[in-house]
Amino acid sequence: MKLRRTAEGIELGYSGSDANIANVHQYGLRARVNRRADWKVKYEQRELLGFSDEDIQMIEDFVIKALADGT
């Protein structure tokens, strides 16, 4: 993963061929095994990025508490 600073803030993510590979695995897409292959393989979906149900609940709890406390 690469961290980039922009005028609007920061971005954390993949770039180039790493981004393509991450996208294929994130969504379970079809892709060539190598550049010279004429055939594609369907990859299983293996999420690299995302939030679990527990993560979402923790974030919601934190936001609600912060709003209630006024902080």
Protein backbone atom coordinates (compact mmCIF):
# COMPACT_ATOMS: atom_id res chain seq x y z
CA MET A 1 0.00 0.00 0.00
CA LYS A 2 1.12 3.51 -0.70
CA LEU A 3 0.39 6.74 1.13
CA ARG A 4 -0.03 9.90 -0.97
CA ARG A 5 -0.52 13.46 0.20
CA THR A 6 -2.76 15.73 -1.85
CA ALA A 7 -4.07 19.26 -1.44
CA GLU A 8 -7.36 17.77 -0.19
CA GLY A 9 -5.84 15.32 2.31
CA ILE A 10 -4.20 11.91 2.19
CA GLU A 11 -4.89 8.76 0.21
CA LEU A 12 -3.95 5.24 1.16
CA GLY A 13 -4.20 2.53 -1.47
CA TYR A 14 -2.65 0.44 -4.18
CA SER A 15 -1.37 1.72 -7.52
CA GLY A 16 -0.34 0.27 -10.87
CA SER A 17 -0.36 -3.49 -11.27
CA ASP A 18 -0.75 -3.89 -7.49
CA ALA A 19 -4.07 -2.02 -7.74
CA ASN A 20 -5.24 -4.35 -10.51
CA ILE A 21 -4.34 -7.46 -8.51
CA ALA A 22 -6.00 -6.04 -5.38
CA ASN A 23 -9.16 -5.25 -7.37
CA VAL A 24 -9.35 -8.77 -8.82
CA HIS A 25 -9.05 -10.34 -5.37
CA GLN A 26 -11.30 -7.80 -3.61
CA TYR A 27 -14.23 -8.48 -5.93
CA GLY A 28 -13.53 -12.04 -7.15
CA LEU A 29 -13.07 -11.10 -10.80
CA ARG A 30 -11.69 -12.95 -13.80
CA ALA A 31 -8.11 -12.13 -14.82
CA ARG A 32 -5.18 -13.53 -16.76
CA VAL A 33 -2.68 -15.54 -14.74
CA ASN A 34 0.10 -13.83 -16.67
CA ARG A 35 0.32 -11.28 -19.47
CA ARG A 36 0.98 -13.84 -22.19
CA ALA A 37 -1.89 -16.16 -21.29
CA ASP A 38 -4.86 -16.17 -23.67
CA TRP A 39 -7.20 -17.50 -20.97
CA LYS A 40 -8.52 -16.07 -17.72
CA VAL A 41 -9.13 -17.57 -14.29
CA LYS A 42 -12.01 -16.70 -11.96
CA TYR A 43 -10.49 -15.77 -8.61
CA GLU A 44 -12.32 -16.28 -5.33
CA GLN A 45 -13.36 -13.09 -3.58
CA ARG A 46 -10.87 -12.32 -0.82
CA GLU A 47 -11.52 -8.92 0.63
CA LEU A 48 -8.36 -6.93 1.23
CA LEU A 49 -10.11 -3.81 2.45
CA GLY A 50 -13.32 -3.37 4.33
CA PHE A 51 -14.99 -3.26 7.69
CA SER A 52 -16.24 -6.21 9.69
CA ASP A 53 -19.55 -5.99 11.54
CA GLU A 54 -17.57 -5.49 14.75
CA ASP A 55 -15.58 -2.63 13.18
CA ILE A 56 -18.77 -0.87 12.09
CA GLN A 57 -20.32 -1.26 15.55
CA MET A 58 -17.18 0.11 17.23
CA ILE A 59 -17.16 3.16 14.93
CA GLU A 60 -20.88 3.80 15.48
CA ASP A 61 -20.43 3.54 19.26
CA PHE A 62 -17.47 5.93 19.16
CA VAL A 63 -19.33 8.53 17.06
CA ILE A 64 -22.45 8.36 19.23
CA LYS A 65 -20.38 8.73 22.42
CA ALA A 66 -18.40 11.63 20.94
CA LEU A 67 -21.60 13.42 19.91
CA ALA A 68 -23.20 12.83 23.31
CA ASP A 69 -20.09 14.12 25.14
CA GLY A 70 -19.75 17.11 22.83
CA THR A 71 -16.12 16.24 22.03
